[in-house]
Every structure is written in C-alpha cells, then in structure tokens.
Amino acid sequence: MELASYSDYAVRLVNTEEPARGTDTLTSVEAVRALFGESTQASRRATDADVTRFRSVRGRLRAIFAAADGDEATHAVDLLNSLLLEFPVSPQISGHDFLDDEGRPRWHMHLAEHSSNATSGFAAIAAMGLAFHLTEYGVDRLGLCQAAPCRNAYLDTSTNRSRRYCSDRCATRANVAAYRARKRLETERSDSTGRSAQKAHASAPATDR
C-alpha cells in the first residue's frame, strides 16, 4: 500500500460533518468504528469517549484543508506538523498477509501506531498519510468542495490540478447552478435592453416617429 493512501483516513473523518448544512454523523461509537474501514482490530478499541476525541481531531484536520484551500500553505503545514508531533507512528515493513503466486510475501511499507486509544491511533495514521500526500503531490492538492454549501474535503489527484469538487454529483450541481445563473443574467440584460429601447422610443419627438 502506498503510504499516501492513508490520507483517505483524514478525508473520511473530516467529511463526517458538513458545517454549512448543520449535519454531523459522528454521533456514536459505532460511527467511530466505521471510520476504520476493514481495520477491525483497531476499531475494537473505540469507546464512547472516542466520539468527543474524534470530533476534536476532525476540527484540526478540517483546519488543514481550509488553510490549503485558502492558499495558506505554510499554515497548513504547521497545523499538520502539530498533529504529527502529537500522534507519532512507526513505519514498518509488512507483507505476511499478501503472498505472490509462489507463496512469498509481497513486502510493503506499513504505518504502525502504538497508541492507547482509538482516537490516537486513527489520528496518527490520518496525519501521516496526509503528510505523505502533501509532500508527494503538493499543498494545493488538498481542498474543500466549491459547491456550496457542501465544503467536503477532497484530495486532488488529477493530472492538471483541476479538481474543485468532492464528487461528480457536486460538480454537476455546480455546473447546473452556473448555467442557470448565466441564463438569468442574459434574460435580465435582454429585458433591460428592451426597456431602454421602449423608453427611448417613448421620449422621442413626435416628428421623429
């Protein structure tokens, strides 16, 4: 597994809340455990106390995406570094669970966290994954969806650094809204031009009519 792929942990956590819509799905220990995906061993450590702790980490991760989205690269890096210091991990070589056709281990790098609770473990992996993604692809590859009021976090892996939305659904919604706004503007301009022409005609001298 590429270490940068661990950055998905950060995206999953940040997107459990949509502040502009007032929604928050991180309300139970079951929701916390679901964030670990297939990592059942790590999720078993989650308790009710982790709900509040996860929300705190979520706010710090969102601040990183917000800083990156606002072209505040240094601030984004400083915020991420603070998480890395607080929640360290140890890179380790793994491969016993992945064998090739000849039964030999497929060695790969794995992030091993040595935490006492579920929040610390998740935060450590999310922060390190985000750090690898940031240093490999650039700070500007971290963003918040431009389709208001969504503002979900996303990681831009496009070849031309053109991603602006968290999903195809939001991209379509934004394009439709932009199209409708253009049509309204065109209609308003047309109506304004028509009214101006009528006014000019009405005020013209009778001899010119």
N, C-alpha and C. Protein backbone atom coordinates (compact mmCIF):
# COMPACT_ATOMS: atom_id res chain seq x y z
N MET A 1 0.84 -1.20 0.00
CA MET A 1 0.00 0.00 0.00
C MET A 1 0.87 1.24 0.00
N GLU A 2 0.57 2.21 -0.86
CA GLU A 2 1.30 3.45 -0.85
C GLU A 2 0.92 4.23 0.40
N LEU A 3 1.94 4.80 1.06
CA LEU A 3 1.69 5.49 2.32
C LEU A 3 0.74 6.66 2.14
N ALA A 4 0.77 7.31 0.97
CA ALA A 4 -0.10 8.46 0.74
C ALA A 4 -1.58 8.05 0.78
N SER A 5 -1.86 6.76 0.55
CA SER A 5 -3.25 6.31 0.54
C SER A 5 -3.88 6.41 1.92
N TYR A 6 -3.06 6.46 2.96
CA TYR A 6 -3.58 6.61 4.31
C TYR A 6 -4.25 7.97 4.50
N SER A 7 -4.01 8.89 3.59
CA SER A 7 -4.63 10.21 3.68
C SER A 7 -6.15 10.12 3.58
N ASP A 8 -6.66 9.01 3.03
CA ASP A 8 -8.11 8.82 2.96
C ASP A 8 -8.73 8.79 4.35
N TYR A 9 -7.94 8.39 5.35
CA TYR A 9 -8.43 8.41 6.72
C TYR A 9 -8.84 9.83 7.11
N ALA A 10 -8.01 10.80 6.74
CA ALA A 10 -8.29 12.19 7.07
C ALA A 10 -9.56 12.68 6.37
N VAL A 11 -9.70 12.34 5.10
CA VAL A 11 -10.87 12.76 4.34
C VAL A 11 -12.14 12.16 4.93
N ARG A 12 -12.10 10.87 5.26
CA ARG A 12 -13.28 10.21 5.82
C ARG A 12 -13.73 10.87 7.12
N LEU A 13 -12.77 11.21 7.97
CA LEU A 13 -13.12 11.83 9.25
C LEU A 13 -13.66 13.24 9.05
N VAL A 14 -12.98 14.05 8.26
CA VAL A 14 -13.42 15.43 8.04
C VAL A 14 -14.84 15.46 7.48
N ASN A 15 -15.14 14.55 6.57
CA ASN A 15 -16.43 14.57 5.89
C ASN A 15 -17.58 13.93 6.67
N THR A 16 -17.34 13.60 7.94
CA THR A 16 -18.45 13.16 8.78
C THR A 16 -19.29 14.34 9.22
N GLU A 17 -18.79 15.55 8.94
CA GLU A 17 -19.53 16.75 9.31
C GLU A 17 -19.62 17.70 8.12
N GLU A 18 -20.79 18.31 7.95
CA GLU A 18 -20.97 19.36 6.94
C GLU A 18 -21.49 20.59 7.68
N PRO A 19 -20.58 21.44 8.16
CA PRO A 19 -20.96 22.59 8.99
C PRO A 19 -22.02 23.50 8.37
N ALA A 20 -21.89 23.78 7.09
CA ALA A 20 -22.84 24.68 6.43
C ALA A 20 -24.24 24.11 6.39
N ARG A 21 -24.35 22.79 6.39
CA ARG A 21 -25.66 22.14 6.36
C ARG A 21 -26.13 21.76 7.76
N GLY A 22 -25.23 21.88 8.73
CA GLY A 22 -25.59 21.54 10.10
C GLY A 22 -25.74 20.05 10.33
N THR A 23 -25.02 19.22 9.57
CA THR A 23 -25.12 17.77 9.73
C THR A 23 -23.84 17.21 10.33
N ASP A 24 -24.00 16.16 11.13
CA ASP A 24 -22.87 15.52 11.78
C ASP A 24 -23.22 14.05 12.02
N THR A 25 -22.51 13.15 11.35
CA THR A 25 -22.79 11.72 11.51
C THR A 25 -21.91 11.06 12.56
N LEU A 26 -20.98 11.83 13.12
CA LEU A 26 -20.09 11.27 14.14
C LEU A 26 -20.74 11.43 15.52
N THR A 27 -21.72 10.59 15.77
CA THR A 27 -22.51 10.74 16.99
C THR A 27 -22.51 9.51 17.90
N SER A 28 -21.80 8.46 17.51
CA SER A 28 -21.81 7.23 18.31
C SER A 28 -20.50 6.48 18.15
N VAL A 29 -20.27 5.54 19.04
CA VAL A 29 -19.06 4.74 18.96
C VAL A 29 -19.09 3.86 17.71
N GLU A 30 -20.28 3.49 17.25
CA GLU A 30 -20.40 2.70 16.02
C GLU A 30 -19.91 3.52 14.83
N ALA A 31 -20.21 4.82 14.82
CA ALA A 31 -19.76 5.69 13.74
C ALA A 31 -18.24 5.82 13.76
N VAL A 32 -17.67 5.85 14.95
CA VAL A 32 -16.21 5.90 15.09
C VAL A 32 -15.59 4.64 14.52
N ARG A 33 -16.14 3.50 14.88
CA ARG A 33 -15.59 2.22 14.42
C ARG A 33 -15.69 2.08 12.90
N ALA A 34 -16.76 2.62 12.32
CA ALA A 34 -16.94 2.52 10.88
C ALA A 34 -15.85 3.26 10.11
N LEU A 35 -15.26 4.28 10.73
CA LEU A 35 -14.23 5.07 10.06
C LEU A 35 -12.95 4.26 9.83
N PHE A 36 -12.75 3.21 10.59
CA PHE A 36 -11.55 2.40 10.44
C PHE A 36 -11.62 1.47 9.23
N GLY A 37 -12.79 1.36 8.62
CA GLY A 37 -12.91 0.50 7.45
C GLY A 37 -12.69 -0.95 7.81
N GLU A 38 -11.76 -1.61 7.11
CA GLU A 38 -11.52 -3.02 7.31
C GLU A 38 -10.61 -3.31 8.51
N SER A 39 -10.11 -2.26 9.13
CA SER A 39 -9.19 -2.44 10.26
C SER A 39 -9.99 -2.73 11.53
N THR A 40 -10.54 -3.94 11.61
CA THR A 40 -11.41 -4.29 12.73
C THR A 40 -10.68 -4.32 14.07
N GLN A 41 -9.43 -4.75 14.06
CA GLN A 41 -8.67 -4.83 15.31
C GLN A 41 -8.53 -3.46 15.96
N ALA A 42 -8.23 -2.45 15.14
CA ALA A 42 -8.09 -1.10 15.66
C ALA A 42 -9.42 -0.54 16.11
N SER A 43 -10.48 -0.85 15.38
CA SER A 43 -11.80 -0.30 15.72
C SER A 43 -12.34 -0.85 17.02
N ARG A 44 -11.90 -2.05 17.40
CA ARG A 44 -12.41 -2.66 18.64
C ARG A 44 -12.04 -1.83 19.87
N ARG A 45 -10.98 -1.05 19.77
CA ARG A 45 -10.55 -0.25 20.92
C ARG A 45 -11.42 0.97 21.15
N ALA A 46 -12.28 1.30 20.20
CA ALA A 46 -13.10 2.50 20.31
C ALA A 46 -14.13 2.39 21.44
N THR A 47 -14.28 3.48 22.18
CA THR A 47 -15.26 3.56 23.25
C THR A 47 -16.07 4.85 23.08
N ASP A 48 -17.06 5.03 23.91
CA ASP A 48 -17.89 6.24 23.81
C ASP A 48 -17.04 7.50 23.97
N ALA A 49 -15.97 7.42 24.75
CA ALA A 49 -15.12 8.59 24.97
C ALA A 49 -14.44 9.04 23.68
N ASP A 50 -14.28 8.13 22.73
CA ASP A 50 -13.60 8.48 21.48
C ASP A 50 -14.45 9.37 20.58
N VAL A 51 -15.75 9.41 20.79
CA VAL A 51 -16.60 10.26 19.95
C VAL A 51 -16.18 11.72 20.08
N THR A 52 -16.03 12.19 21.32
CA THR A 52 -15.61 13.57 21.55
C THR A 52 -14.18 13.81 21.08
N ARG A 53 -13.30 12.84 21.34
CA ARG A 53 -11.90 12.99 20.92
C ARG A 53 -11.78 13.02 19.39
N PHE A 54 -12.55 12.18 18.71
CA PHE A 54 -12.53 12.16 17.25
C PHE A 54 -13.01 13.50 16.69
N ARG A 55 -14.01 14.09 17.32
CA ARG A 55 -14.51 15.38 16.85
C ARG A 55 -13.44 16.46 16.97
N SER A 56 -12.65 16.38 18.01
CA SER A 56 -11.57 17.36 18.20
C SER A 56 -10.53 17.23 17.09
N VAL A 57 -10.13 15.99 16.80
CA VAL A 57 -9.16 15.76 15.73
C VAL A 57 -9.75 16.17 14.38
N ARG A 58 -11.03 15.91 14.20
CA ARG A 58 -11.71 16.29 12.95
C ARG A 58 -11.60 17.79 12.70
N GLY A 59 -11.82 18.58 13.74
CA GLY A 59 -11.72 20.03 13.59
C GLY A 59 -10.33 20.47 13.19
N ARG A 60 -9.31 19.81 13.73
CA ARG A 60 -7.92 20.16 13.40
C ARG A 60 -7.58 19.74 11.97
N LEU A 61 -8.10 18.61 11.54
CA LEU A 61 -7.86 18.18 10.16
C LEU A 61 -8.57 19.10 9.17
N ARG A 62 -9.81 19.50 9.49
CA ARG A 62 -10.53 20.41 8.59
C ARG A 62 -9.78 21.73 8.47
N ALA A 63 -9.17 22.18 9.56
CA ALA A 63 -8.42 23.43 9.51
C ALA A 63 -7.25 23.34 8.54
N ILE A 64 -6.66 22.16 8.42
CA ILE A 64 -5.56 21.94 7.47
C ILE A 64 -6.07 22.08 6.04
N PHE A 65 -7.19 21.42 5.75
CA PHE A 65 -7.77 21.51 4.41
C PHE A 65 -8.20 22.94 4.10
N ALA A 66 -8.75 23.63 5.10
CA ALA A 66 -9.19 25.01 4.88
C ALA A 66 -8.01 25.93 4.58
N ALA A 67 -6.90 25.73 5.30
CA ALA A 67 -5.72 26.54 5.06
C ALA A 67 -5.16 26.27 3.67
N ALA A 68 -5.09 25.01 3.28
CA ALA A 68 -4.60 24.65 1.95
C ALA A 68 -5.51 25.21 0.87
N ASP A 69 -6.81 25.13 1.10
CA ASP A 69 -7.79 25.64 0.14
C ASP A 69 -7.71 27.16 0.01
N GLY A 70 -7.26 27.81 1.07
CA GLY A 70 -7.13 29.26 1.06
C GLY A 70 -5.75 29.75 0.69
N ASP A 71 -4.93 28.88 0.08
CA ASP A 71 -3.58 29.23 -0.36
C ASP A 71 -2.67 29.63 0.80
N GLU A 72 -2.92 29.08 1.98
CA GLU A 72 -2.08 29.33 3.15
C GLU A 72 -1.23 28.08 3.39
N ALA A 73 -0.29 27.83 2.51
CA ALA A 73 0.49 26.59 2.53
C ALA A 73 1.27 26.44 3.83
N THR A 74 1.95 27.47 4.25
CA THR A 74 2.77 27.38 5.46
C THR A 74 1.92 27.08 6.68
N HIS A 75 0.77 27.73 6.76
CA HIS A 75 -0.13 27.49 7.90
C HIS A 75 -0.64 26.06 7.88
N ALA A 76 -0.98 25.55 6.71
CA ALA A 76 -1.46 24.17 6.59
C ALA A 76 -0.39 23.19 7.07
N VAL A 77 0.85 23.44 6.67
CA VAL A 77 1.95 22.56 7.07
C VAL A 77 2.19 22.65 8.57
N ASP A 78 2.13 23.84 9.13
CA ASP A 78 2.32 24.00 10.57
C ASP A 78 1.25 23.23 11.36
N LEU A 79 0.02 23.32 10.91
CA LEU A 79 -1.08 22.61 11.57
C LEU A 79 -0.89 21.11 11.49
N LEU A 80 -0.44 20.64 10.32
CA LEU A 80 -0.21 19.20 10.14
C LEU A 80 0.97 18.73 10.98
N ASN A 81 2.01 19.52 11.04
CA ASN A 81 3.17 19.15 11.86
C ASN A 81 2.80 19.00 13.33
N SER A 82 1.89 19.84 13.81
CA SER A 82 1.47 19.74 15.21
C SER A 82 0.78 18.41 15.48
N LEU A 83 0.02 17.92 14.52
CA LEU A 83 -0.63 16.62 14.66
C LEU A 83 0.40 15.49 14.61
N LEU A 84 1.37 15.62 13.73
CA LEU A 84 2.40 14.58 13.60
C LEU A 84 3.21 14.46 14.89
N LEU A 85 3.47 15.58 15.54
CA LEU A 85 4.22 15.55 16.80
C LEU A 85 3.39 14.93 17.92
N GLU A 86 2.11 15.23 17.91
CA GLU A 86 1.24 14.74 18.98
C GLU A 86 0.87 13.27 18.81
N PHE A 87 0.76 12.83 17.53
CA PHE A 87 0.34 11.46 17.26
C PHE A 87 1.37 10.77 16.34
N PRO A 88 2.49 10.30 16.89
CA PRO A 88 3.55 9.69 16.07
C PRO A 88 3.22 8.26 15.64
N VAL A 89 3.86 7.82 14.57
CA VAL A 89 3.74 6.45 14.09
C VAL A 89 5.14 5.92 13.77
N SER A 90 5.21 4.61 13.57
CA SER A 90 6.48 3.97 13.21
C SER A 90 6.31 3.22 11.90
N PRO A 91 7.00 3.63 10.84
CA PRO A 91 6.94 2.88 9.57
C PRO A 91 7.54 1.49 9.76
N GLN A 92 6.86 0.48 9.27
CA GLN A 92 7.36 -0.89 9.38
C GLN A 92 7.13 -1.61 8.05
N ILE A 93 7.99 -2.61 7.79
CA ILE A 93 7.83 -3.43 6.59
C ILE A 93 6.88 -4.58 6.92
N SER A 94 5.88 -4.75 6.07
CA SER A 94 4.90 -5.80 6.27
C SER A 94 4.71 -6.57 4.97
N GLY A 95 4.06 -7.72 5.05
CA GLY A 95 3.83 -8.49 3.83
C GLY A 95 3.30 -9.88 4.07
N HIS A 96 3.17 -10.27 5.32
CA HIS A 96 2.75 -11.64 5.61
C HIS A 96 1.31 -11.92 5.18
N ASP A 97 0.51 -10.88 5.06
CA ASP A 97 -0.88 -11.07 4.65
C ASP A 97 -1.05 -11.03 3.14
N PHE A 98 0.03 -10.73 2.41
CA PHE A 98 -0.05 -10.60 0.95
C PHE A 98 1.04 -11.47 0.33
N LEU A 99 0.64 -12.58 -0.28
CA LEU A 99 1.59 -13.50 -0.86
C LEU A 99 1.48 -13.49 -2.38
N ASP A 100 2.64 -13.68 -3.05
CA ASP A 100 2.61 -13.73 -4.50
C ASP A 100 2.26 -15.15 -4.96
N ASP A 101 2.35 -15.39 -6.26
CA ASP A 101 1.96 -16.69 -6.80
C ASP A 101 2.83 -17.84 -6.30
N GLU A 102 4.02 -17.50 -5.83
CA GLU A 102 4.93 -18.54 -5.34
C GLU A 102 4.92 -18.63 -3.83
N GLY A 103 3.97 -17.93 -3.21
CA GLY A 103 3.84 -18.01 -1.76
C GLY A 103 4.79 -17.13 -0.98
N ARG A 104 5.48 -16.23 -1.67
CA ARG A 104 6.41 -15.33 -0.98
C ARG A 104 5.70 -14.04 -0.60
N PRO A 105 6.08 -13.44 0.53
CA PRO A 105 5.45 -12.19 0.98
C PRO A 105 5.68 -11.05 -0.02
N ARG A 106 4.67 -10.26 -0.25
CA ARG A 106 4.80 -9.05 -1.04
C ARG A 106 5.09 -7.90 -0.07
N TRP A 107 6.36 -7.63 0.12
CA TRP A 107 6.76 -6.65 1.11
C TRP A 107 6.31 -5.24 0.74
N HIS A 108 5.83 -4.51 1.73
CA HIS A 108 5.41 -3.13 1.52
C HIS A 108 5.52 -2.37 2.84
N MET A 109 5.51 -1.07 2.76
CA MET A 109 5.58 -0.24 3.95
C MET A 109 4.22 -0.15 4.61
N HIS A 110 4.23 -0.20 5.92
CA HIS A 110 3.00 -0.15 6.71
C HIS A 110 3.21 0.83 7.85
N LEU A 111 2.18 1.58 8.21
CA LEU A 111 2.27 2.51 9.33
C LEU A 111 1.75 1.84 10.59
N ALA A 112 2.63 1.65 11.55
CA ALA A 112 2.25 1.03 12.81
C ALA A 112 2.13 2.11 13.88
N GLU A 113 0.95 2.21 14.48
CA GLU A 113 0.77 3.19 15.55
C GLU A 113 0.76 2.45 16.89
N HIS A 114 1.28 3.10 17.90
CA HIS A 114 1.40 2.48 19.22
C HIS A 114 0.63 3.34 20.23
N SER A 115 -0.66 3.39 20.05
CA SER A 115 -1.48 4.28 20.86
C SER A 115 -2.27 3.51 21.91
N SER A 116 -2.75 4.26 22.89
CA SER A 116 -3.51 3.65 23.97
C SER A 116 -5.01 3.72 23.75
N ASN A 117 -5.44 4.48 22.73
CA ASN A 117 -6.87 4.57 22.45
C ASN A 117 -7.11 4.70 20.95
N ALA A 118 -8.34 4.52 20.54
CA ALA A 118 -8.69 4.51 19.12
C ALA A 118 -8.43 5.85 18.45
N THR A 119 -8.69 6.94 19.15
CA THR A 119 -8.51 8.27 18.56
C THR A 119 -7.06 8.52 18.20
N SER A 120 -6.15 8.23 19.12
CA SER A 120 -4.73 8.45 18.87
C SER A 120 -4.25 7.62 17.69
N GLY A 121 -4.72 6.37 17.63
CA GLY A 121 -4.31 5.51 16.52
C GLY A 121 -4.80 6.02 15.18
N PHE A 122 -6.07 6.42 15.12
CA PHE A 122 -6.62 6.92 13.87
C PHE A 122 -5.95 8.23 13.48
N ALA A 123 -5.78 9.13 14.44
CA ALA A 123 -5.18 10.43 14.16
C ALA A 123 -3.75 10.28 13.65
N ALA A 124 -3.01 9.35 14.22
CA ALA A 124 -1.63 9.13 13.81
C ALA A 124 -1.55 8.71 12.34
N ILE A 125 -2.39 7.76 11.96
CA ILE A 125 -2.38 7.27 10.59
C ILE A 125 -2.89 8.33 9.62
N ALA A 126 -3.96 9.03 10.01
CA ALA A 126 -4.53 10.08 9.15
C ALA A 126 -3.52 11.19 8.90
N ALA A 127 -2.86 11.63 9.96
CA ALA A 127 -1.89 12.72 9.84
C ALA A 127 -0.69 12.32 9.00
N MET A 128 -0.17 11.11 9.22
CA MET A 128 0.99 10.66 8.45
C MET A 128 0.62 10.47 6.98
N GLY A 129 -0.55 9.90 6.73
CA GLY A 129 -0.99 9.73 5.36
C GLY A 129 -1.15 11.06 4.65
N LEU A 130 -1.71 12.04 5.36
CA LEU A 130 -1.89 13.37 4.79
C LEU A 130 -0.54 14.02 4.53
N ALA A 131 0.41 13.76 5.41
CA ALA A 131 1.76 14.32 5.23
C ALA A 131 2.43 13.75 3.98
N PHE A 132 2.30 12.45 3.77
CA PHE A 132 2.87 11.84 2.57
C PHE A 132 2.20 12.38 1.31
N HIS A 133 0.88 12.54 1.36
CA HIS A 133 0.16 13.06 0.20
C HIS A 133 0.59 14.50 -0.09
N LEU A 134 0.68 15.29 0.96
CA LEU A 134 1.05 16.70 0.80
C LEU A 134 2.45 16.86 0.22
N THR A 135 3.40 16.09 0.73
CA THR A 135 4.78 16.23 0.25
C THR A 135 4.99 15.61 -1.13
N GLU A 136 4.18 14.63 -1.48
CA GLU A 136 4.32 14.00 -2.80
C GLU A 136 3.63 14.78 -3.90
N TYR A 137 2.44 15.33 -3.59
CA TYR A 137 1.64 15.99 -4.61
C TYR A 137 1.56 17.51 -4.48
N GLY A 138 1.79 18.04 -3.28
CA GLY A 138 1.73 19.48 -3.08
C GLY A 138 0.57 19.90 -2.19
N VAL A 139 0.74 21.03 -1.49
CA VAL A 139 -0.30 21.52 -0.59
C VAL A 139 -1.58 21.85 -1.35
N ASP A 140 -1.43 22.33 -2.57
CA ASP A 140 -2.61 22.73 -3.34
C ASP A 140 -3.46 21.54 -3.79
N ARG A 141 -3.01 20.32 -3.48
CA ARG A 141 -3.81 19.14 -3.80
C ARG A 141 -4.81 18.81 -2.70
N LEU A 142 -4.81 19.60 -1.62
CA LEU A 142 -5.79 19.45 -0.56
C LEU A 142 -6.84 20.55 -0.73
N GLY A 143 -8.11 20.20 -0.77
CA GLY A 143 -9.11 21.23 -1.00
C GLY A 143 -10.43 20.96 -0.33
N LEU A 144 -11.31 21.96 -0.38
CA LEU A 144 -12.67 21.86 0.11
C LEU A 144 -13.61 22.11 -1.06
N CYS A 145 -14.64 21.31 -1.16
CA CYS A 145 -15.57 21.37 -2.28
C CYS A 145 -16.11 22.78 -2.49
N GLN A 146 -16.09 23.23 -3.74
CA GLN A 146 -16.54 24.58 -4.09
C GLN A 146 -18.04 24.66 -4.35
N ALA A 147 -18.74 23.53 -4.26
CA ALA A 147 -20.19 23.52 -4.47
C ALA A 147 -20.90 23.80 -3.15
N ALA A 148 -21.06 25.08 -2.84
CA ALA A 148 -21.72 25.46 -1.59
C ALA A 148 -23.14 24.88 -1.54
N PRO A 149 -23.59 24.42 -0.37
CA PRO A 149 -22.93 24.53 0.93
C PRO A 149 -22.12 23.30 1.32
N CYS A 150 -21.71 22.48 0.37
CA CYS A 150 -21.06 21.21 0.67
C CYS A 150 -19.79 21.37 1.53
N ARG A 151 -18.73 21.88 0.94
CA ARG A 151 -17.44 22.09 1.61
C ARG A 151 -16.83 20.81 2.18
N ASN A 152 -17.09 19.67 1.54
CA ASN A 152 -16.42 18.44 1.93
C ASN A 152 -14.96 18.49 1.51
N ALA A 153 -14.11 17.79 2.25
CA ALA A 153 -12.69 17.74 1.92
C ALA A 153 -12.45 16.76 0.78
N TYR A 154 -11.43 17.02 -0.01
CA TYR A 154 -11.05 16.10 -1.08
C TYR A 154 -9.54 16.18 -1.31
N LEU A 155 -9.02 15.15 -1.96
CA LEU A 155 -7.61 15.11 -2.35
C LEU A 155 -7.55 15.11 -3.87
N ASP A 156 -6.90 16.10 -4.43
CA ASP A 156 -6.84 16.24 -5.88
C ASP A 156 -5.69 15.40 -6.44
N THR A 157 -6.03 14.39 -7.22
CA THR A 157 -5.01 13.57 -7.87
C THR A 157 -5.09 13.69 -9.39
N SER A 158 -5.78 14.72 -9.86
CA SER A 158 -5.90 14.93 -11.31
C SER A 158 -4.56 15.34 -11.89
N THR A 159 -4.37 15.06 -13.17
CA THR A 159 -3.08 15.35 -13.80
C THR A 159 -2.84 16.84 -13.98
N ASN A 160 -3.90 17.61 -14.10
CA ASN A 160 -3.74 19.06 -14.35
C ASN A 160 -4.14 19.93 -13.15
N ARG A 161 -4.24 19.32 -11.98
CA ARG A 161 -4.57 20.05 -10.75
C ARG A 161 -5.86 20.86 -10.90
N SER A 162 -6.86 20.25 -11.49
CA SER A 162 -8.07 20.99 -11.84
C SER A 162 -9.27 20.66 -10.95
N ARG A 163 -9.12 19.74 -10.02
CA ARG A 163 -10.27 19.33 -9.23
C ARG A 163 -10.73 20.47 -8.31
N ARG A 164 -12.06 20.67 -8.26
CA ARG A 164 -12.63 21.71 -7.41
C ARG A 164 -13.81 21.20 -6.59
N TYR A 165 -14.22 19.96 -6.85
CA TYR A 165 -15.40 19.43 -6.16
C TYR A 165 -15.09 18.06 -5.55
N CYS A 166 -15.83 17.71 -4.51
CA CYS A 166 -15.56 16.46 -3.82
C CYS A 166 -16.10 15.25 -4.55
N SER A 167 -17.06 15.47 -5.47
CA SER A 167 -17.69 14.35 -6.17
C SER A 167 -18.27 14.82 -7.50
N ASP A 168 -18.59 13.86 -8.35
CA ASP A 168 -19.23 14.19 -9.63
C ASP A 168 -20.60 14.83 -9.39
N ARG A 169 -21.27 14.40 -8.34
CA ARG A 169 -22.59 14.95 -8.03
C ARG A 169 -22.49 16.45 -7.75
N CYS A 170 -21.51 16.83 -6.93
CA CYS A 170 -21.35 18.25 -6.61
C CYS A 170 -20.89 19.04 -7.84
N ALA A 171 -20.05 18.45 -8.67
CA ALA A 171 -19.59 19.12 -9.88
C ALA A 171 -20.77 19.39 -10.81
N THR A 172 -21.65 18.40 -10.96
CA THR A 172 -22.83 18.56 -11.81
C THR A 172 -23.75 19.63 -11.25
N ARG A 173 -23.95 19.59 -9.94
CA ARG A 173 -24.83 20.58 -9.30
C ARG A 173 -24.29 21.99 -9.48
N ALA A 174 -22.97 22.15 -9.35
CA ALA A 174 -22.36 23.47 -9.51
C ALA A 174 -22.47 23.96 -10.95
N ASN A 175 -22.27 23.05 -11.91
CA ASN A 175 -22.37 23.42 -13.33
C ASN A 175 -23.79 23.83 -13.70
N VAL A 176 -24.77 23.10 -13.15
CA VAL A 176 -26.17 23.45 -13.43
C VAL A 176 -26.51 24.81 -12.83
N ALA A 177 -26.02 25.06 -11.61
CA ALA A 177 -26.28 26.35 -10.96
C ALA A 177 -25.63 27.48 -11.74
N ALA A 178 -24.40 27.25 -12.23
CA ALA A 178 -23.71 28.28 -13.00
C ALA A 178 -24.44 28.56 -14.32
N TYR A 179 -24.95 27.50 -14.95
CA TYR A 179 -25.69 27.66 -16.20
C TYR A 179 -26.97 28.47 -15.98
N ARG A 180 -27.68 28.14 -14.92
CA ARG A 180 -28.90 28.87 -14.62
C ARG A 180 -28.62 30.34 -14.30
N ALA A 181 -27.51 30.59 -13.61
CA ALA A 181 -27.14 31.96 -13.28
C ALA A 181 -26.84 32.75 -14.55
N ARG A 182 -26.15 32.11 -15.50
CA ARG A 182 -25.85 32.78 -16.78
C ARG A 182 -27.12 33.09 -17.55
N LYS A 183 -28.06 32.15 -17.55
CA LYS A 183 -29.31 32.35 -18.27
C LYS A 183 -30.13 33.48 -17.64
N ARG A 184 -30.12 33.55 -16.30
CA ARG A 184 -30.84 34.63 -15.63
C ARG A 184 -30.23 35.98 -15.98
N LEU A 185 -28.88 36.03 -16.01
CA LEU A 185 -28.20 37.27 -16.35
C LEU A 185 -28.51 37.70 -17.78
N GLU A 186 -28.51 36.72 -18.69
CA GLU A 186 -28.83 37.03 -20.08
C GLU A 186 -30.26 37.56 -20.21
N THR A 187 -31.17 36.95 -19.47
CA THR A 187 -32.57 37.38 -19.52
C THR A 187 -32.71 38.80 -18.96
N GLU A 188 -32.00 39.06 -17.83
CA GLU A 188 -32.07 40.39 -17.23
C GLU A 188 -31.50 41.45 -18.16
N ARG A 189 -30.40 41.12 -18.83
CA ARG A 189 -29.80 42.06 -19.77
C ARG A 189 -30.73 42.31 -20.96
N SER A 190 -31.35 41.25 -21.44
CA SER A 190 -32.28 41.38 -22.57
C SER A 190 -33.47 42.24 -22.19
N ASP A 191 -34.02 42.01 -20.98
CA ASP A 191 -35.16 42.80 -20.52
C ASP A 191 -34.77 44.25 -20.34
N SER A 192 -33.55 44.46 -19.81
CA SER A 192 -33.08 45.83 -19.58
C SER A 192 -32.91 46.57 -20.90
N THR A 193 -32.36 45.86 -21.88
CA THR A 193 -32.18 46.47 -23.20
C THR A 193 -33.52 46.80 -23.83
N GLY A 194 -34.49 45.91 -23.67
CA GLY A 194 -35.82 46.14 -24.22
C GLY A 194 -36.51 47.34 -23.58
N ARG A 195 -36.37 47.43 -22.24
CA ARG A 195 -36.98 48.56 -21.54
C ARG A 195 -36.34 49.88 -21.95
N SER A 196 -35.01 49.86 -22.14
CA SER A 196 -34.30 51.07 -22.55
C SER A 196 -34.75 51.52 -23.93
N ALA A 197 -34.94 50.56 -24.83
CA ALA A 197 -35.38 50.87 -26.19
C ALA A 197 -36.79 51.46 -26.18
N GLN A 198 -37.65 50.88 -25.34
CA GLN A 198 -39.01 51.38 -25.25
C GLN A 198 -39.04 52.79 -24.68
N LYS A 199 -38.21 53.03 -23.67
CA LYS A 199 -38.15 54.35 -23.05
C LYS A 199 -37.65 55.40 -24.04
N ALA A 200 -36.61 55.03 -24.82
CA ALA A 200 -36.06 55.96 -25.81
C ALA A 200 -37.10 56.26 -26.88
N HIS A 201 -37.85 55.26 -27.28
CA HIS A 201 -38.87 55.44 -28.31
C HIS A 201 -39.99 56.35 -27.80
N ALA A 202 -40.35 56.15 -26.52
CA ALA A 202 -41.46 56.92 -25.95
C ALA A 202 -41.08 58.38 -25.78
N SER A 203 -39.81 58.66 -25.52
CA SER A 203 -39.38 60.03 -25.27
C SER A 203 -38.95 60.76 -26.52
N ALA A 204 -38.94 60.09 -27.67
CA ALA A 204 -38.52 60.74 -28.92
C ALA A 204 -39.58 61.74 -29.39
N PRO A 205 -39.17 62.86 -30.04
CA PRO A 205 -40.13 63.84 -30.55
C PRO A 205 -41.09 63.20 -31.53
N ALA A 206 -42.29 63.75 -31.57
CA ALA A 206 -43.33 63.18 -32.45
C ALA A 206 -42.94 63.20 -33.91
N THR A 207 -42.16 64.21 -34.32
CA THR A 207 -41.76 64.33 -35.73
C THR A 207 -40.83 63.22 -36.14
N ASP A 208 -40.17 62.63 -35.15
CA ASP A 208 -39.24 61.56 -35.47
C ASP A 208 -39.91 60.20 -35.52
N ARG A 209 -41.18 60.16 -35.19
CA ARG A 209 -41.87 58.86 -35.12
C ARG A 209 -42.50 58.50 -36.46
